[in-house]
């Protein structure tokens, strides 16, 4: 858009350039942050969701087996005390 005022044209171009530069800086900062976060997470000893779910299921199964064995033991104790 051309106006008759050269100063306003120059200010519009400057503003457009500043917005473009700010957008570029934002993108670069996001990339730097994402790379930093990836390095931080890689240095931690984290487990995957699948590994966590597998161990959780194993613990639940062991807990149920333990409860069953406890109930069976109590029944045996009652039978022996009679």
PDB file of N, CA and C in Angstrom:
ATOM      1  N   UNK A   1       0.843  -1.170   0.000  1.00  0.00           N
ATOM      2  CA  UNK A   1       0.000   0.000   0.000  1.00  0.00           C
ATOM      3  C   UNK A   1       0.887   1.231   0.000  1.00  0.00           C
ATOM      4  N   UNK A   2       0.756   2.029  -0.983  1.00  0.00           N
ATOM      5  CA  UNK A   2       1.551   3.252  -1.098  1.00  0.00           C
ATOM      6  C   UNK A   2       0.725   4.434  -0.607  1.00  0.00           C
ATOM      7  N   UNK A   3       1.370   5.251   0.190  1.00  0.00           N
ATOM      8  CA  UNK A   3       0.725   6.501   0.610  1.00  0.00           C
ATOM      9  C   UNK A   3       1.564   7.640   0.089  1.00  0.00           C
ATOM     10  N   UNK A   4       1.081   8.787   0.288  1.00  0.00           N
ATOM     11  CA  UNK A   4       1.823   9.962  -0.170  1.00  0.00           C
ATOM     12  C   UNK A   4       2.862  10.379   0.842  1.00  0.00           C
ATOM     13  N   UNK A   5       2.825   9.798   2.020  1.00  0.00           N
ATOM     14  CA  UNK A   5       3.762  10.181   3.066  1.00  0.00           C
ATOM     15  C   UNK A   5       4.912   9.173   3.103  1.00  0.00           C
ATOM     16  N   UNK A   6       6.089   9.575   2.717  1.00  0.00           N
ATOM     17  CA  UNK A   6       7.269   8.703   2.676  1.00  0.00           C
ATOM     18  C   UNK A   6       7.605   8.182   4.075  1.00  0.00           C
ATOM     19  N   UNK A   7       7.468   9.035   5.080  1.00  0.00           N
ATOM     20  CA  UNK A   7       7.781   8.641   6.459  1.00  0.00           C
ATOM     21  C   UNK A   7       6.890   7.477   6.892  1.00  0.00           C
ATOM     22  N   UNK A   8       5.604   7.550   6.594  1.00  0.00           N
ATOM     23  CA  UNK A   8       4.680   6.488   6.978  1.00  0.00           C
ATOM     24  C   UNK A   8       5.002   5.200   6.224  1.00  0.00           C
ATOM     25  N   UNK A   9       5.376   5.288   4.972  1.00  0.00           N
ATOM     26  CA  UNK A   9       5.774   4.107   4.208  1.00  0.00           C
ATOM     27  C   UNK A   9       6.994   3.445   4.835  1.00  0.00           C
ATOM     28  N   UNK A  10       7.956   4.257   5.199  1.00  0.00           N
ATOM     29  CA  UNK A  10       9.166   3.722   5.821  1.00  0.00           C
ATOM     30  C   UNK A  10       8.853   3.072   7.169  1.00  0.00           C
ATOM     31  N   UNK A  11       7.980   3.681   7.948  1.00  0.00           N
ATOM     32  CA  UNK A  11       7.615   3.120   9.253  1.00  0.00           C
ATOM     33  C   UNK A  11       6.871   1.783   9.075  1.00  0.00           C
ATOM     34  N   UNK A  12       6.027   1.702   8.067  1.00  0.00           N
ATOM     35  CA  UNK A  12       5.297   0.462   7.801  1.00  0.00           C
ATOM     36  C   UNK A  12       6.267  -0.647   7.406  1.00  0.00           C
ATOM     37  N   UNK A  13       7.233  -0.323   6.569  1.00  0.00           N
ATOM     38  CA  UNK A  13       8.247  -1.310   6.171  1.00  0.00           C
ATOM     39  C   UNK A  13       9.074  -1.742   7.369  1.00  0.00           C
ATOM     40  N   UNK A  14       9.429  -0.803   8.219  1.00  0.00           N
ATOM     41  CA  UNK A  14      10.206  -1.109   9.422  1.00  0.00           C
ATOM     42  C   UNK A  14       9.417  -2.017  10.356  1.00  0.00           C
ATOM     43  N   UNK A  15       8.156  -1.717  10.548  1.00  0.00           N
ATOM     44  CA  UNK A  15       7.310  -2.535  11.421  1.00  0.00           C
ATOM     45  C   UNK A  15       7.162  -3.944  10.858  1.00  0.00           C
ATOM     46  N   UNK A  16       6.963  -4.041   9.560  1.00  0.00           N
ATOM     47  CA  UNK A  16       6.839  -5.352   8.923  1.00  0.00           C
ATOM     48  C   UNK A  16       8.122  -6.153   9.094  1.00  0.00           C
ATOM     49  N   UNK A  17       9.243  -5.502   8.907  1.00  0.00           N
ATOM     50  CA  UNK A  17      10.533  -6.175   9.096  1.00  0.00           C
ATOM     51  C   UNK A  17      10.741  -6.608  10.531  1.00  0.00           C
ATOM     52  N   UNK A  18      10.336  -5.764  11.484  1.00  0.00           N
ATOM     53  CA  UNK A  18      10.495  -6.096  12.901  1.00  0.00           C
ATOM     54  C   UNK A  18       9.644  -7.301  13.273  1.00  0.00           C
ATOM     55  N   UNK A  19       8.430  -7.371  12.759  1.00  0.00           N
ATOM     56  CA  UNK A  19       7.557  -8.517  13.044  1.00  0.00           C
ATOM     57  C   UNK A  19       8.168  -9.788  12.460  1.00  0.00           C
ATOM     58  N   UNK A  20       8.687  -9.689  11.260  1.00  0.00           N
ATOM     59  CA  UNK A  20       9.330 -10.862  10.646  1.00  0.00           C
ATOM     60  C   UNK A  20      10.541 -11.312  11.438  1.00  0.00           C
ATOM     61  N   UNK A  21      11.346 -10.364  11.900  1.00  0.00           N
ATOM     62  CA  UNK A  21      12.530 -10.709  12.695  1.00  0.00           C
ATOM     63  C   UNK A  21      12.130 -11.327  14.026  1.00  0.00           C
ATOM     64  N   UNK A  22      11.090 -10.767  14.663  1.00  0.00           N
ATOM     65  CA  UNK A  22      10.624 -11.317  15.942  1.00  0.00           C
ATOM     66  C   UNK A  22      10.123 -12.749  15.751  1.00  0.00           C
ATOM     67  N   UNK A  23       9.453 -12.989  14.647  1.00  0.00           N
ATOM     68  CA  UNK A  23       8.959 -14.337  14.365  1.00  0.00           C
ATOM     69  C   UNK A  23      10.133 -15.300  14.176  1.00  0.00           C
ATOM     70  N   UNK A  24      11.170 -14.874  13.493  1.00  0.00           N
ATOM     71  CA  UNK A  24      12.352 -15.714  13.286  1.00  0.00           C
ATOM     72  C   UNK A  24      13.050 -16.008  14.606  1.00  0.00           C
ATOM     73  N   UNK A  25      13.175 -14.987  15.451  1.00  0.00           N
ATOM     74  CA  UNK A  25      13.823 -15.166  16.755  1.00  0.00           C
ATOM     75  C   UNK A  25      13.018 -16.143  17.601  1.00  0.00           C
ATOM     76  N   UNK A  26      11.696 -16.033  17.567  1.00  0.00           N
ATOM     77  CA  UNK A  26      10.839 -16.952  18.324  1.00  0.00           C
ATOM     78  C   UNK A  26      11.093 -18.392  17.881  1.00  0.00           C
ATOM     79  N   UNK A  27      11.165 -18.611  16.575  1.00  0.00           N
ATOM     80  CA  UNK A  27      11.413 -19.955  16.062  1.00  0.00           C
ATOM     81  C   UNK A  27      12.763 -20.500  16.492  1.00  0.00           C
ATOM     82  N   UNK A  28      13.775 -19.645  16.462  1.00  0.00           N
ATOM     83  CA  UNK A  28      15.108 -20.075  16.885  1.00  0.00           C
ATOM     84  C   UNK A  28      15.132 -20.390  18.375  1.00  0.00           C
ATOM     85  N   UNK A  29      14.476 -19.574  19.182  1.00  0.00           N
ATOM     86  CA  UNK A  29      14.431 -19.825  20.627  1.00  0.00           C
ATOM     87  C   UNK A  29      13.708 -21.135  20.932  1.00  0.00           C
ATOM     88  N   UNK A  30      12.646 -21.413  20.205  1.00  0.00           N
ATOM     89  CA  UNK A  30      11.940 -22.678  20.401  1.00  0.00           C
ATOM     90  C   UNK A  30      12.836 -23.862  20.076  1.00  0.00           C
ATOM     91  N   UNK A  31      13.610 -23.758  19.000  1.00  0.00           N
ATOM     92  CA  UNK A  31      14.529 -24.842  18.623  1.00  0.00           C
ATOM     93  C   UNK A  31      15.603 -25.034  19.680  1.00  0.00           C
ATOM     94  N   UNK A  32      16.156 -23.933  20.190  1.00  0.00           N
ATOM     95  CA  UNK A  32      17.193 -24.019  21.222  1.00  0.00           C
ATOM     96  C   UNK A  32      16.620 -24.651  22.481  1.00  0.00           C
ATOM     97  N   UNK A  33      15.442 -24.221  22.886  1.00  0.00           N
ATOM     98  CA  UNK A  33      14.815 -24.776  24.093  1.00  0.00           C
ATOM     99  C   UNK A  33      14.514 -26.261  23.913  1.00  0.00           C
ATOM    100  N   UNK A  34      13.981 -26.629  22.747  1.00  0.00           N
ATOM    101  CA  UNK A  34      13.651 -28.032  22.500  1.00  0.00           C
ATOM    102  C   UNK A  34      14.919 -28.900  22.543  1.00  0.00           C
ATOM    103  N   UNK A  35      16.010 -28.408  21.970  1.00  0.00           N
ATOM    104  CA  UNK A  35      17.275 -29.159  21.995  1.00  0.00           C
ATOM    105  C   UNK A  35      17.783 -29.285  23.425  1.00  0.00           C
ATOM    106  N   UNK A  36      17.681 -28.200  24.204  1.00  0.00           N
ATOM    107  CA  UNK A  36      18.122 -28.240  25.611  1.00  0.00           C
ATOM    108  C   UNK A  36      17.283 -29.242  26.396  1.00  0.00           C
ATOM    109  N   UNK A  37      15.967 -29.209  26.191  1.00  0.00           N
ATOM    110  CA  UNK A  37      15.080 -30.123  26.896  1.00  0.00           C
ATOM    111  C   UNK A  37      15.380 -31.570  26.520  1.00  0.00           C
ATOM    112  N   UNK A  38      15.629 -31.826  25.248  1.00  0.00           N
ATOM    113  CA  UNK A  38      15.982 -33.185  24.810  1.00  0.00           C
ATOM    114  C   UNK A  38      17.260 -33.665  25.497  1.00  0.00           C
ATOM    115  N   UNK A  39      18.259 -32.784  25.604  1.00  0.00           N
ATOM    116  CA  UNK A  39      19.511 -33.156  26.288  1.00  0.00           C
ATOM    117  C   UNK A  39      19.260 -33.450  27.767  1.00  0.00           C
ATOM    118  N   UNK A  40      18.428 -32.641  28.408  1.00  0.00           N
ATOM    119  CA  UNK A  40      18.135 -32.858  29.819  1.00  0.00           C
ATOM    120  C   UNK A  40      17.411 -34.184  30.033  1.00  0.00           C
ATOM    121  N   UNK A  41      16.433 -34.468  29.207  1.00  0.00           N
ATOM    122  CA  UNK A  41      15.680 -35.713  29.341  1.00  0.00           C
ATOM    123  C   UNK A  41      16.536 -36.928  29.014  1.00  0.00           C
ATOM    124  N   UNK A  42      17.440 -36.784  28.054  1.00  0.00           N
ATOM    125  CA  UNK A  42      18.316 -37.898  27.696  1.00  0.00           C
ATOM    126  C   UNK A  42      19.252 -38.249  28.847  1.00  0.00           C
ATOM    127  N   UNK A  43      19.609 -37.267  29.655  1.00  0.00           N
ATOM    128  CA  UNK A  43      20.505 -37.507  30.776  1.00  0.00           C
ATOM    129  C   UNK A  43      19.826 -38.143  31.975  1.00  0.00           C
ATOM    130  N   UNK A  44      18.511 -38.188  31.968  1.00  0.00           N
ATOM    131  CA  UNK A  44      17.773 -38.788  33.085  1.00  0.00           C
ATOM    132  C   UNK A  44      17.526 -40.260  32.805  1.00  0.00           C
ATOM    133  N   UNK A  45      17.393 -41.020  33.869  1.00  0.00           N
ATOM    134  CA  UNK A  45      17.138 -42.444  33.733  1.00  0.00           C
ATOM    135  C   UNK A  45      15.626 -42.665  33.788  1.00  0.00           C
ATOM    136  N   UNK A  46      14.948 -42.347  32.698  1.00  0.00           N
ATOM    137  CA  UNK A  46      13.494 -42.445  32.635  1.00  0.00           C
ATOM    138  C   UNK A  46      13.084 -43.731  31.928  1.00  0.00           C
ATOM    139  N   UNK A  47      11.916 -44.220  32.285  1.00  0.00           N
ATOM    140  CA  UNK A  47      11.388 -45.414  31.620  1.00  0.00           C
ATOM    141  C   UNK A  47      10.285 -44.989  30.665  1.00  0.00           C
ATOM    142  N   UNK A  48      10.063 -45.815  29.677  1.00  0.00           N
ATOM    143  CA  UNK A  48       8.998 -45.521  28.724  1.00  0.00           C
ATOM    144  C   UNK A  48       7.650 -45.852  29.350  1.00  0.00           C
ATOM    145  N   UNK A  49       6.605 -45.368  28.750  1.00  0.00           N
ATOM    146  CA  UNK A  49       5.253 -45.637  29.242  1.00  0.00           C
ATOM    147  C   UNK A  49       4.963 -47.139  29.193  1.00  0.00           C
ATOM    148  N   UNK A  50       5.421 -47.801  28.124  1.00  0.00           N
ATOM    149  CA  UNK A  50       5.198 -49.243  27.999  1.00  0.00           C
ATOM    150  C   UNK A  50       5.887 -50.009  29.118  1.00  0.00           C
ATOM    151  N   UNK A  51       7.130 -49.627  29.431  1.00  0.00           N
ATOM    152  CA  UNK A  51       7.853 -50.292  30.516  1.00  0.00           C
ATOM    153  C   UNK A  51       7.142 -50.069  31.849  1.00  0.00           C
ATOM    154  N   UNK A  52       6.690 -48.840  32.071  1.00  0.00           N
ATOM    155  CA  UNK A  52       5.982 -48.527  33.313  1.00  0.00           C
ATOM    156  C   UNK A  52       4.713 -49.361  33.444  1.00  0.00           C
ATOM    157  N   UNK A  53       3.934 -49.434  32.371  1.00  0.00           N
ATOM    158  CA  UNK A  53       2.681 -50.195  32.407  1.00  0.00           C
ATOM    159  C   UNK A  53       2.950 -51.678  32.640  1.00  0.00           C
ATOM    160  N   UNK A  54       4.012 -52.211  32.036  1.00  0.00           N
ATOM    161  CA  UNK A  54       4.359 -53.622  32.222  1.00  0.00           C
ATOM    162  C   UNK A  54       4.684 -53.907  33.685  1.00  0.00           C
ATOM    163  N   UNK A  55       5.496 -53.060  34.296  1.00  0.00           N
ATOM    164  CA  UNK A  55       5.871 -53.263  35.698  1.00  0.00           C
ATOM    165  C   UNK A  55       4.660 -53.066  36.613  1.00  0.00           C
ATOM    166  N   UNK A  56       3.804 -52.098  36.278  1.00  0.00           N
ATOM    167  CA  UNK A  56       2.600 -51.877  37.082  1.00  0.00           C
ATOM    168  C   UNK A  56       1.705 -53.110  37.056  1.00  0.00           C
ATOM    169  N   UNK A  57       1.532 -53.704  35.878  1.00  0.00           N
ATOM    170  CA  UNK A  57       0.724 -54.916  35.752  1.00  0.00           C
ATOM    171  C   UNK A  57       1.342 -56.066  36.536  1.00  0.00           C
ATOM    172  N   UNK A  58       2.675 -56.185  36.494  1.00  0.00           N
ATOM    173  CA  UNK A  58       3.358 -57.240  37.251  1.00  0.00           C
ATOM    174  C   UNK A  58       3.138 -57.045  38.746  1.00  0.00           C
ATOM    175  N   UNK A  59       3.223 -55.809  39.214  1.00  0.00           N
ATOM    176  CA  UNK A  59       3.030 -55.527  40.637  1.00  0.00           C
ATOM    177  C   UNK A  59       1.591 -55.825  41.055  1.00  0.00           C
ATOM    178  N   UNK A  60       0.640 -55.474  40.198  1.00  0.00           N
ATOM    179  CA  UNK A  60      -0.761 -55.751  40.514  1.00  0.00           C
ATOM    180  C   UNK A  60      -1.017 -57.256  40.587  1.00  0.00           C
ATOM    181  N   UNK A  61      -0.435 -57.993  39.653  1.00  0.00           N
ATOM    182  CA  UNK A  61      -0.590 -59.453  39.653  1.00  0.00           C
ATOM    183  C   UNK A  61       0.040 -60.051  40.915  1.00  0.00           C
ATOM    184  N   UNK A  62       1.231 -59.573  41.282  1.00  0.00           N
ATOM    185  CA  UNK A  62       1.905 -60.075  42.486  1.00  0.00           C
ATOM    186  C   UNK A  62       1.088 -59.751  43.732  1.00  0.00           C
ATOM    187  N   UNK A  63       0.494 -58.561  43.777  1.00  0.00           N
ATOM    188  CA  UNK A  63      -0.328 -58.180  44.927  1.00  0.00           C
ATOM    189  C   UNK A  63      -1.542 -59.094  45.037  1.00  0.00           C
ATOM    190  N   UNK A  64      -2.180 -59.389  43.900  1.00  0.00           N
ATOM    191  CA  UNK A  64      -3.345 -60.284  43.920  1.00  0.00           C
ATOM    192  C   UNK A  64      -2.956 -61.690  44.350  1.00  0.00           C
ATOM    193  N   UNK A  65      -1.826 -62.178  43.850  1.00  0.00           N
ATOM    194  CA  UNK A  65      -1.351 -63.505  44.253  1.00  0.00           C
ATOM    195  C   UNK A  65      -1.042 -63.533  45.747  1.00  0.00           C
ATOM    196  N   UNK A  66      -0.446 -62.467  46.252  1.00  0.00           N
ATOM    197  CA  UNK A  66      -0.127 -62.380  47.675  1.00  0.00           C
ATOM    198  C   UNK A  66      -1.406 -62.405  48.515  1.00  0.00           C
ATOM    199  N   UNK A  67      -2.425 -61.668  48.078  1.00  0.00           N
ATOM    200  CA  UNK A  67      -3.699 -61.681  48.801  1.00  0.00           C
ATOM    201  C   UNK A  67      -4.319 -63.066  48.785  1.00  0.00           C
ATOM    202  N   UNK A  68      -4.257 -63.747  47.637  1.00  0.00           N
ATOM    203  CA  UNK A  68      -4.800 -65.111  47.540  1.00  0.00           C
ATOM    204  C   UNK A  68      -4.045 -66.062  48.472  1.00  0.00           C
ATOM    205  N   UNK A  69      -2.722 -65.952  48.491  1.00  0.00           N
ATOM    206  CA  UNK A  69      -1.916 -66.822  49.360  1.00  0.00           C
ATOM    207  C   UNK A  69      -2.183 -66.525  50.839  1.00  0.00           C
ATOM    208  N   UNK A  70      -2.370 -65.271  51.165  1.00  0.00           N
ATOM    209  CA  UNK A  70      -2.668 -64.901  52.550  1.00  0.00           C
ATOM    210  C   UNK A  70      -4.010 -65.514  52.981  1.00  0.00           C
ATOM    211  N   UNK A  71      -4.997 -65.437  52.098  1.00  0.00           N
ATOM    212  CA  UNK A  71      -6.302 -66.013  52.420  1.00  0.00           C
ATOM    213  C   UNK A  71      -6.196 -67.531  52.562  1.00  0.00           C
ATOM    214  N   UNK A  72      -5.433 -68.165  51.686  1.00  0.00           N
ATOM    215  CA  UNK A  72      -5.251 -69.614  51.765  1.00  0.00           C
ATOM    216  C   UNK A  72      -4.523 -69.999  53.055  1.00  0.00           C
ATOM    217  N   UNK A  73      -3.542 -69.230  53.434  1.00  0.00           N
ATOM    218  CA  UNK A  73      -2.797 -69.492  54.676  1.00  0.00           C
ATOM    219  C   UNK A  73      -3.710 -69.350  55.888  1.00  0.00           C
ATOM    220  N   UNK A  74      -4.543 -68.332  55.881  1.00  0.00           N
ATOM    221  CA  UNK A  74      -5.491 -68.160  57.000  1.00  0.00           C
ATOM    222  C   UNK A  74      -6.450 -69.346  57.085  1.00  0.00           C
ATOM    223  N   UNK A  75      -6.890 -69.837  55.934  1.00  0.00           N
ATOM    224  CA  UNK A  75      -7.784 -71.000  55.934  1.00  0.00           C
ATOM    225  C   UNK A  75      -7.072 -72.222  56.478  1.00  0.00           C
ATOM    226  N   UNK A  76      -5.816 -72.434  56.108  1.00  0.00           N
ATOM    227  CA  UNK A  76      -5.034 -73.560  56.624  1.00  0.00           C
ATOM    228  C   UNK A  76      -4.842 -73.436  58.132  1.00  0.00           C
ATOM    229  N   UNK A  77      -4.559 -72.223  58.601  1.00  0.00           N
ATOM    230  CA  UNK A  77      -4.384 -72.002  60.047  1.00  0.00           C
ATOM    231  C   UNK A  77      -5.665 -72.326  60.806  1.00  0.00           C
ATOM    232  N   UNK A  78      -6.800 -71.926  60.251  1.00  0.00           N
ATOM    233  CA  UNK A  78      -8.081 -72.224  60.922  1.00  0.00           C
ATOM    234  C   UNK A  78      -8.325 -73.718  60.977  1.00  0.00           C
ATOM    235  N   UNK A  79      -8.015 -74.421  59.891  1.00  0.00           N
ATOM    236  CA  UNK A  79      -8.218 -75.876  59.852  1.00  0.00           C
ATOM    237  C   UNK A  79      -7.300 -76.572  60.847  1.00  0.00           C
ATOM    238  N   UNK A  80      -6.078 -76.085  61.014  1.00  0.00           N
ATOM    239  CA  UNK A  80      -5.109 -76.709  61.913  1.00  0.00           C
ATOM    240  C   UNK A  80      -5.444 -76.447  63.368  1.00  0.00           C
ATOM    241  N   UNK A  81      -6.090 -75.326  63.653  1.00  0.00           N
ATOM    242  CA  UNK A  81      -6.392 -74.994  65.046  1.00  0.00           C
ATOM    243  C   UNK A  81      -7.648 -75.714  65.545  1.00  0.00           C
ATOM    244  N   UNK A  82      -8.373 -76.365  64.681  1.00  0.00           N
ATOM    245  CA  UNK A  82      -9.592 -77.087  65.093  1.00  0.00           C
ATOM    246  C   UNK A  82      -9.277 -78.423  65.641  1.00  0.00           C
TER     247      UNK A  82
END
